[in-house]
Amino acid sequence: MTRLLTAVLVVLTAMIAAPATATEGRTAPAPHRAAVVVPPLQVTTFATGLDIPWDVQPIGGGKFLITERTSRRLLLWDHGTIRRLTFPSSSVWAAGETGLMSLAIDPKFTSNRRFYTCQGGFRGPRGHEVRVVAWRLNAAATAATRVRTLLRGLPATSGRHGGCRLLITSYGALMVGTGDATVGTNARNRSSLGGKTLRMNRATGAPWPKNPYIRSSSHNARYVVTYGHRNVQGLAQRSDGSIWSVEHGTDRDDEVNRLSTRGDYGWNPTPGYNESRPMTNQALPGTQINARWRSGKPTIATSGATWVRGKQWGDNNGALAVAALKGERLLFMKFNSAGRLLRVRTPAALRSYGRLRSVTRIAGGDLLVTTANGGGVDKILRVHPRG
């Protein structure tokens, strides 16, 4: 019995004295997961010698249209050569943030040669406005002629907060993101076209028949899809059909929003134009929809955006690529299927080109990104994932 007790004591002593193992105090290892692959980016110059190119869009056959905001020039990129198109630039009002801005190319462009611009315009003695115009490019791709003005009367004051982004949806409607023109009451007033997302028939300019206020006594309200926006700079449609907007904040909270019909996004700087108000003010009557991403303070002036597509992008496939002006970067925002933000990446490869405005996805999945530094030194960058 004495020998048995002695043996037990020896074993216990050895166990107490033994060093801790590598897994002691930790949870069991998680199941193996495949490594997240984010390929490095190759950034090359697609076009140079530009002056604040606001937008670039492909028209097929290796050609692209380019708008310049302040110079009001409409340009054609043709296999590396840029030429100015005959275009009535004198009819475009340019001041501050407003001028020749967003482009959209008709899905039937090869047959109808139509494209659309959002641009400043003159209203004679009544001042200025922002309008949406349909154009036709001639067969020789040397000149554009006006087909019709689809929508006029988008508010403009000094040129600040002029918007203005165009998007043709998968079902053929033309959507427009607008700014509030720094008038405090515009964003929540559905009879104003400012501070909204709008939707119309791209052929006639008539309000889209499924718009939520189509039976309103106010003609302007019939165009409204969402309201309570400050200055919409980007619109992009996800593969699930949802439409997302990108918006400039004040000194805080640039926003990315998932748009919901009749949605109030909470911008209301009244009385006056009080920019200390929150971008999404939950103290307002009714329900205000929170942003899916916000910058916090300070803002980085988020602008154009597109959804990234293609397996060559690795984990950035399906991300929203968002350009930033003040922040001088490109952000890849990954959201889950429910629209919840998972992560944001800002690759170093796009941190040395200054202000970035618009992002366009082209055939093959590469991105074109416009810079907005002014002075004739701007570029269009081509971004390619190296796999």
Protein backbone atom coordinates (compact mmCIF):
# COMPACT_ATOMS: atom_id res chain seq x y z
CA MET A 1 0.00 0.00 0.00
CA THR A 2 2.85 2.36 0.89
CA ARG A 3 4.55 1.59 -2.43
CA LEU A 4 1.30 2.30 -4.34
CA LEU A 5 0.81 5.69 -2.65
CA THR A 6 4.41 6.59 -3.39
CA ALA A 7 3.97 5.78 -7.09
CA VAL A 8 0.84 7.92 -7.35
CA LEU A 9 2.60 10.85 -5.72
CA VAL A 10 5.49 10.58 -8.18
CA VAL A 11 3.12 10.66 -11.17
CA LEU A 12 1.17 13.66 -9.82
CA THR A 13 4.38 15.55 -9.13
CA ALA A 14 5.58 14.95 -12.65
CA MET A 15 2.28 16.18 -14.09
CA ILE A 16 2.40 19.39 -12.04
CA ALA A 17 6.00 20.10 -13.02
CA ALA A 18 5.56 19.41 -16.72
CA PRO A 19 5.69 22.51 -19.02
CA ALA A 20 2.48 23.73 -20.65
CA THR A 21 1.76 22.46 -24.13
CA ALA A 22 1.41 24.77 -27.17
CA THR A 23 -2.39 24.52 -27.16
CA GLU A 24 -3.00 25.03 -23.46
CA GLY A 25 -5.42 27.87 -22.70
CA ARG A 26 -6.55 28.22 -26.36
CA THR A 27 -9.68 27.16 -28.13
CA ALA A 28 -9.50 24.40 -30.63
CA PRO A 29 -8.10 25.50 -33.99
CA ALA A 30 -10.69 26.74 -36.48
CA PRO A 31 -11.42 24.62 -39.53
CA HIS A 32 -9.05 25.29 -42.40
CA ARG A 33 -10.18 28.07 -44.72
CA ALA A 34 -8.86 28.87 -48.15
CA ALA A 35 -6.51 31.84 -48.17
CA VAL A 36 -8.06 35.14 -49.26
CA VAL A 37 -6.55 36.07 -52.61
CA VAL A 38 -6.36 39.73 -53.61
CA PRO A 39 -4.21 40.06 -56.73
CA PRO A 40 -1.82 43.00 -57.11
CA LEU A 41 -3.01 45.75 -59.43
CA GLN A 42 -1.35 46.94 -62.60
CA VAL A 43 -2.14 50.61 -63.26
CA THR A 44 -1.36 52.03 -66.69
CA THR A 45 -2.19 55.30 -68.45
CA PHE A 46 -5.12 54.89 -70.82
CA ALA A 47 -5.33 58.58 -71.80
CA THR A 48 -3.46 61.72 -70.81
CA GLY A 49 -3.46 65.49 -71.37
CA LEU A 50 -7.03 65.89 -70.12
CA ASP A 51 -8.64 68.61 -68.00
CA ILE A 52 -11.04 67.30 -65.33
CA PRO A 53 -12.50 64.40 -67.29
CA TRP A 54 -15.81 63.77 -65.52
CA ASP A 55 -16.76 60.49 -67.18
CA VAL A 56 -15.63 57.90 -69.72
CA GLN A 57 -17.85 55.25 -71.32
CA PRO A 58 -17.28 52.61 -74.05
CA ILE A 59 -19.32 52.81 -77.27
CA GLY A 60 -17.96 49.64 -78.89
CA GLY A 61 -15.37 49.01 -81.57
CA GLY A 62 -12.54 50.04 -79.27
CA LYS A 63 -13.89 53.60 -78.91
CA PHE A 64 -14.81 55.60 -75.80
CA LEU A 65 -16.60 58.90 -75.16
CA ILE A 66 -15.12 61.28 -72.59
CA THR A 67 -16.65 64.41 -71.03
CA GLU A 68 -14.60 67.26 -69.54
CA ARG A 69 -16.50 69.24 -66.94
CA THR A 70 -15.13 72.78 -67.10
CA SER A 71 -13.84 72.90 -70.70
CA ARG A 72 -17.21 71.38 -71.76
CA ARG A 73 -15.42 69.30 -74.38
CA LEU A 74 -16.78 66.02 -75.68
CA LEU A 75 -13.90 63.76 -76.74
CA LEU A 76 -13.52 60.47 -78.55
CA TRP A 77 -10.80 57.96 -77.63
CA ASP A 78 -10.14 55.74 -80.62
CA HIS A 79 -7.50 53.05 -80.11
CA GLY A 80 -5.21 55.42 -78.23
CA THR A 81 -5.90 58.59 -80.22
CA ILE A 82 -8.06 61.35 -78.71
CA ARG A 83 -9.94 63.87 -80.82
CA ARG A 84 -12.46 66.56 -80.00
CA LEU A 85 -15.95 66.05 -81.39
CA THR A 86 -18.12 68.77 -82.86
CA PHE A 87 -20.47 69.48 -79.99
CA PRO A 88 -22.37 72.64 -78.89
CA SER A 89 -20.16 73.37 -75.89
CA SER A 90 -21.41 76.95 -75.73
CA SER A 91 -24.83 75.64 -74.68
CA VAL A 92 -23.33 74.07 -71.54
CA TRP A 93 -23.15 76.21 -68.41
CA ALA A 94 -20.06 75.46 -66.33
CA ALA A 95 -19.41 76.92 -62.87
CA GLY A 96 -18.03 75.43 -59.67
CA GLU A 97 -18.87 71.72 -59.57
CA THR A 98 -21.24 71.90 -62.55
CA GLY A 99 -20.53 71.61 -66.28
CA LEU A 100 -20.45 68.73 -68.76
CA MET A 101 -20.73 65.80 -66.40
CA SER A 102 -22.05 62.24 -66.53
CA LEU A 103 -22.40 60.03 -69.61
CA ALA A 104 -24.64 57.04 -70.34
CA ILE A 105 -24.55 55.02 -73.56
CA ASP A 106 -27.77 53.61 -74.94
CA PRO A 107 -27.86 49.79 -74.89
CA LYS A 108 -28.88 49.95 -78.57
CA PHE A 109 -26.09 52.37 -79.48
CA THR A 110 -24.86 50.31 -82.42
CA SER A 111 -28.18 50.91 -84.17
CA ASN A 112 -29.45 54.23 -82.79
CA ARG A 113 -26.10 55.97 -81.96
CA ARG A 114 -27.70 57.57 -78.90
CA PHE A 115 -25.98 58.65 -75.71
CA TYR A 116 -26.99 60.85 -72.78
CA THR A 117 -25.35 63.61 -70.77
CA CYS A 118 -26.10 65.40 -67.54
CA GLN A 119 -24.97 69.02 -67.90
CA GLY A 120 -25.38 72.59 -66.79
CA GLY A 121 -27.66 74.77 -68.91
CA PHE A 122 -28.75 78.38 -69.36
CA ARG A 123 -32.23 79.55 -68.46
CA GLY A 124 -31.96 83.07 -69.83
CA PRO A 125 -32.97 85.78 -67.36
CA ARG A 126 -34.09 83.11 -64.89
CA GLY A 127 -30.55 81.87 -64.32
CA HIS A 128 -29.19 78.35 -64.67
CA GLU A 129 -30.24 74.74 -64.27
CA VAL A 130 -28.97 71.19 -64.71
CA ARG A 131 -30.57 69.08 -67.42
CA VAL A 132 -30.44 65.62 -68.99
CA VAL A 133 -29.97 65.59 -72.76
CA ALA A 134 -30.12 62.85 -75.41
CA TRP A 135 -27.59 63.04 -78.27
CA ARG A 136 -26.80 61.16 -81.46
CA LEU A 137 -23.25 60.52 -82.63
CA ASN A 138 -22.87 60.58 -86.41
CA ALA A 139 -21.67 57.53 -88.34
CA ALA A 140 -18.21 59.00 -88.83
CA ALA A 141 -17.92 59.60 -85.06
CA THR A 142 -16.97 63.24 -85.61
CA ALA A 143 -20.02 65.15 -84.33
CA ALA A 144 -22.91 64.88 -81.88
CA THR A 145 -26.32 66.43 -82.47
CA ARG A 146 -29.02 66.97 -79.88
CA VAL A 147 -31.98 64.60 -80.13
CA ARG A 148 -34.00 66.14 -77.29
CA THR A 149 -33.74 67.49 -73.77
CA LEU A 150 -35.19 64.71 -71.64
CA LEU A 151 -35.44 66.59 -68.37
CA ARG A 152 -34.76 70.18 -67.37
CA GLY A 153 -35.17 72.14 -64.18
CA LEU A 154 -32.73 70.30 -61.93
CA PRO A 155 -31.81 73.12 -59.53
CA ALA A 156 -28.57 75.07 -59.79
CA THR A 157 -27.29 78.05 -57.83
CA SER A 158 -23.55 78.78 -57.78
CA GLY A 159 -22.72 75.45 -59.39
CA ARG A 160 -22.09 73.78 -56.05
CA HIS A 161 -23.84 70.43 -55.49
CA GLY A 162 -24.85 70.04 -59.11
CA GLY A 163 -24.75 66.23 -58.99
CA CYS A 164 -25.10 64.56 -61.45
CA ARG A 165 -24.73 60.81 -62.28
CA LEU A 166 -26.56 58.82 -64.95
CA LEU A 167 -27.24 55.09 -64.99
CA ILE A 168 -29.20 52.95 -67.44
CA THR A 169 -30.66 50.07 -65.45
CA SER A 170 -30.82 46.45 -66.52
CA TYR A 171 -34.52 46.95 -67.34
CA GLY A 172 -33.87 49.98 -69.55
CA ALA A 173 -34.81 52.96 -67.37
CA LEU A 174 -32.55 56.01 -67.15
CA MET A 175 -31.74 56.95 -63.56
CA VAL A 176 -30.31 60.28 -62.44
CA GLY A 177 -28.63 61.13 -59.14
CA THR A 178 -28.87 64.84 -58.30
CA GLY A 179 -27.46 67.36 -55.85
CA ASP A 180 -29.42 69.73 -53.64
CA ALA A 181 -27.83 72.89 -55.17
CA THR A 182 -27.12 74.02 -51.56
CA VAL A 183 -30.78 74.89 -50.99
CA GLY A 184 -31.81 73.48 -47.63
CA THR A 185 -35.40 72.61 -48.51
CA ASN A 186 -34.69 70.82 -51.80
CA ALA A 187 -33.71 67.37 -50.56
CA ARG A 188 -36.98 66.56 -48.75
CA ASN A 189 -39.30 68.49 -51.03
CA ARG A 190 -40.54 65.95 -53.56
CA SER A 191 -41.63 68.76 -55.88
CA SER A 192 -37.95 69.68 -56.30
CA LEU A 193 -35.68 67.58 -58.52
CA GLY A 194 -32.68 68.37 -56.29
CA GLY A 195 -31.26 65.95 -53.72
CA LYS A 196 -32.97 62.94 -55.31
CA THR A 197 -32.61 59.88 -57.43
CA LEU A 198 -34.91 60.12 -60.43
CA ARG A 199 -36.07 57.62 -63.05
CA MET A 200 -37.36 58.16 -66.58
CA ASN A 201 -38.00 56.68 -69.99
CA ARG A 202 -34.73 57.18 -71.84
CA ALA A 203 -36.44 57.60 -75.21
CA THR A 204 -39.03 60.23 -74.28
CA GLY A 205 -37.99 61.65 -70.91
CA ALA A 206 -41.36 60.76 -69.41
CA PRO A 207 -41.43 59.62 -65.76
CA TRP A 208 -40.93 55.87 -65.45
CA PRO A 209 -44.42 54.34 -65.08
CA LYS A 210 -43.49 52.37 -61.95
CA ASN A 211 -42.13 55.35 -60.05
CA PRO A 212 -43.66 55.56 -56.55
CA TYR A 213 -45.21 59.03 -56.96
CA ILE A 214 -46.31 58.62 -60.58
CA ARG A 215 -49.85 59.79 -59.71
CA SER A 216 -48.70 62.90 -57.86
CA SER A 217 -50.21 66.27 -58.81
CA SER A 218 -46.62 67.56 -58.94
CA HIS A 219 -44.99 66.82 -62.29
CA ASN A 220 -41.52 66.78 -60.73
CA ALA A 221 -42.55 64.33 -58.00
CA ARG A 222 -43.50 61.78 -60.65
CA TYR A 223 -39.77 61.32 -61.40
CA VAL A 224 -38.71 60.75 -57.78
CA VAL A 225 -37.53 57.34 -56.58
CA THR A 226 -35.67 58.36 -53.39
CA TYR A 227 -35.11 61.67 -51.60
CA GLY A 228 -33.20 63.22 -48.71
CA HIS A 229 -29.83 63.20 -50.52
CA ARG A 230 -27.15 65.89 -50.32
CA ASN A 231 -25.09 65.44 -53.49
CA VAL A 232 -25.27 62.13 -55.36
CA GLN A 233 -22.03 61.50 -57.25
CA GLY A 234 -22.29 57.79 -58.09
CA LEU A 235 -24.89 55.24 -59.14
CA ALA A 236 -24.26 51.52 -59.72
CA GLN A 237 -26.46 48.48 -60.18
CA ARG A 238 -25.46 45.24 -58.46
CA SER A 239 -25.88 41.84 -60.13
CA ASP A 240 -28.91 41.19 -57.86
CA GLY A 241 -30.65 44.20 -59.42
CA SER A 242 -30.27 46.57 -56.45
CA ILE A 243 -29.24 50.18 -57.15
CA TRP A 244 -26.61 51.84 -54.95
CA SER A 245 -25.69 55.51 -54.65
CA VAL A 246 -22.52 57.30 -53.54
CA GLU A 247 -22.89 60.68 -51.87
CA HIS A 248 -20.76 63.58 -50.64
CA GLY A 249 -21.01 64.37 -46.95
CA THR A 250 -20.35 67.65 -45.13
CA ASP A 251 -17.25 67.55 -42.91
CA ARG A 252 -18.31 64.02 -41.95
CA ASP A 253 -20.05 60.99 -43.37
CA ASP A 254 -19.71 60.54 -47.07
CA GLU A 255 -22.21 57.74 -47.74
CA VAL A 256 -22.83 54.65 -49.80
CA ASN A 257 -26.55 53.84 -49.82
CA ARG A 258 -28.60 50.93 -51.05
CA LEU A 259 -31.63 52.55 -52.64
CA SER A 260 -35.13 51.58 -51.62
CA THR A 261 -38.19 52.91 -53.46
CA ARG A 262 -39.75 55.83 -51.54
CA GLY A 263 -36.67 55.87 -49.30
CA ASP A 264 -35.86 58.97 -47.23
CA TYR A 265 -32.07 59.18 -46.73
CA GLY A 266 -32.27 61.83 -44.07
CA TRP A 267 -30.51 64.98 -45.32
CA ASN A 268 -32.29 68.11 -44.08
CA PRO A 269 -30.02 71.09 -43.38
CA THR A 270 -32.84 73.53 -42.58
CA PRO A 271 -33.37 76.18 -41.37
CA GLY A 272 -31.13 77.86 -43.92
CA TYR A 273 -28.31 75.58 -45.06
CA ASN A 274 -26.90 74.29 -41.80
CA GLU A 275 -24.09 71.86 -42.66
CA SER A 276 -23.64 70.80 -39.04
CA ARG A 277 -26.73 68.60 -39.49
CA PRO A 278 -26.12 64.84 -39.71
CA MET A 279 -26.21 63.28 -43.16
CA THR A 280 -28.88 60.84 -41.99
CA ASN A 281 -30.95 62.71 -39.45
CA GLN A 282 -32.97 60.20 -37.44
CA ALA A 283 -34.74 63.03 -35.60
CA LEU A 284 -36.87 63.79 -38.65
CA PRO A 285 -40.47 62.59 -38.93
CA GLY A 286 -40.92 59.18 -40.50
CA THR A 287 -38.23 56.59 -41.20
CA GLN A 288 -34.78 57.52 -42.46
CA ILE A 289 -32.62 54.86 -44.10
CA ASN A 290 -29.10 54.47 -42.74
CA ALA A 291 -26.10 54.29 -45.05
CA ARG A 292 -24.44 50.93 -45.78
CA TRP A 293 -21.04 52.65 -45.46
CA ARG A 294 -20.07 56.03 -44.10
CA SER A 295 -16.69 57.73 -43.98
CA GLY A 296 -16.90 59.22 -40.51
CA LYS A 297 -14.88 62.37 -39.96
CA PRO A 298 -13.13 63.69 -41.99
CA THR A 299 -14.75 62.93 -45.32
CA ILE A 300 -12.83 61.74 -48.38
CA ALA A 301 -15.32 63.00 -51.03
CA THR A 302 -16.42 59.70 -52.53
CA SER A 303 -17.56 59.98 -56.13
CA GLY A 304 -18.17 57.52 -59.00
CA ALA A 305 -18.54 53.78 -58.50
CA THR A 306 -19.02 50.47 -60.27
CA TRP A 307 -19.36 46.84 -59.23
CA VAL A 308 -16.26 44.74 -59.90
CA ARG A 309 -16.85 41.53 -61.84
CA GLY A 310 -14.54 38.69 -62.79
CA LYS A 311 -12.73 35.83 -61.05
CA GLN A 312 -9.41 37.47 -61.90
CA TRP A 313 -10.15 40.02 -59.16
CA GLY A 314 -9.95 37.36 -56.44
CA ASP A 315 -11.70 38.46 -53.25
CA ASN A 316 -12.42 41.86 -54.81
CA ASN A 317 -14.78 40.17 -57.26
CA GLY A 318 -18.24 41.50 -56.41
CA ALA A 319 -16.89 44.53 -54.53
CA LEU A 320 -18.06 48.08 -55.12
CA ALA A 321 -15.13 50.12 -56.46
CA VAL A 322 -15.54 53.74 -55.29
CA ALA A 323 -13.38 56.68 -56.33
CA ALA A 324 -12.47 59.40 -53.83
CA LEU A 325 -11.60 62.98 -54.71
CA LYS A 326 -10.27 64.53 -51.51
CA GLY A 327 -9.12 61.15 -50.23
CA GLU A 328 -7.16 60.47 -53.46
CA ARG A 329 -7.78 56.72 -53.46
CA LEU A 330 -9.91 53.90 -54.82
CA LEU A 331 -11.87 51.88 -52.28
CA PHE A 332 -13.02 48.30 -52.81
CA MET A 333 -16.05 47.79 -50.55
CA LYS A 334 -17.21 44.23 -50.04
CA PHE A 335 -20.83 43.69 -48.97
CA ASN A 336 -22.62 40.42 -48.29
CA SER A 337 -25.78 39.35 -50.10
CA ALA A 338 -27.91 41.21 -47.55
CA GLY A 339 -25.99 44.44 -48.17
CA ARG A 340 -24.00 44.43 -44.93
CA LEU A 341 -20.46 45.82 -45.17
CA LEU A 342 -17.79 43.16 -44.68
CA ARG A 343 -14.54 45.03 -45.37
CA VAL A 344 -12.93 47.89 -47.28
CA ARG A 345 -9.61 47.76 -49.11
CA THR A 346 -7.65 50.76 -50.44
CA PRO A 347 -4.78 49.49 -52.61
CA ALA A 348 -1.54 51.45 -52.51
CA ALA A 349 -1.27 51.20 -56.30
CA LEU A 350 -3.96 53.90 -56.61
CA ARG A 351 -2.76 56.31 -53.93
CA SER A 352 -0.37 58.39 -56.08
CA TYR A 353 -2.57 59.87 -58.81
CA GLY A 354 -4.32 62.65 -56.93
CA ARG A 355 -8.09 63.13 -57.02
CA LEU A 356 -10.11 60.28 -58.52
CA ARG A 357 -13.65 60.86 -59.82
CA SER A 358 -15.27 58.20 -62.01
CA VAL A 359 -14.92 54.42 -62.28
CA THR A 360 -16.07 52.48 -65.34
CA ARG A 361 -16.00 48.72 -65.83
CA ILE A 362 -15.04 47.73 -69.37
CA ALA A 363 -15.07 44.51 -71.40
CA GLY A 364 -12.86 41.88 -69.79
CA GLY A 365 -13.43 43.31 -66.31
CA ASP A 366 -10.72 45.98 -66.15
CA LEU A 367 -11.57 49.39 -64.66
CA LEU A 368 -11.08 52.87 -66.07
CA VAL A 369 -10.60 55.60 -63.46
CA THR A 370 -10.58 59.34 -64.24
CA THR A 371 -8.42 61.80 -62.30
CA ALA A 372 -9.65 65.30 -61.41
CA ASN A 373 -6.61 67.46 -60.67
CA GLY A 374 -7.14 70.16 -63.32
CA GLY A 375 -4.62 72.15 -65.30
CA GLY A 376 -4.51 69.84 -68.30
CA VAL A 377 -2.57 67.14 -66.47
CA ASP A 378 -5.41 64.72 -65.87
CA LYS A 379 -5.46 61.11 -66.97
CA ILE A 380 -7.65 58.13 -67.40
CA LEU A 381 -6.09 55.13 -65.67
CA ARG A 382 -6.60 51.50 -66.59
CA VAL A 383 -6.63 49.15 -63.62
CA HIS A 384 -5.93 45.47 -64.25
CA PRO A 385 -5.63 42.68 -61.65
CA ARG A 386 -2.43 40.71 -62.20
CA GLY A 387 -3.08 37.05 -61.52
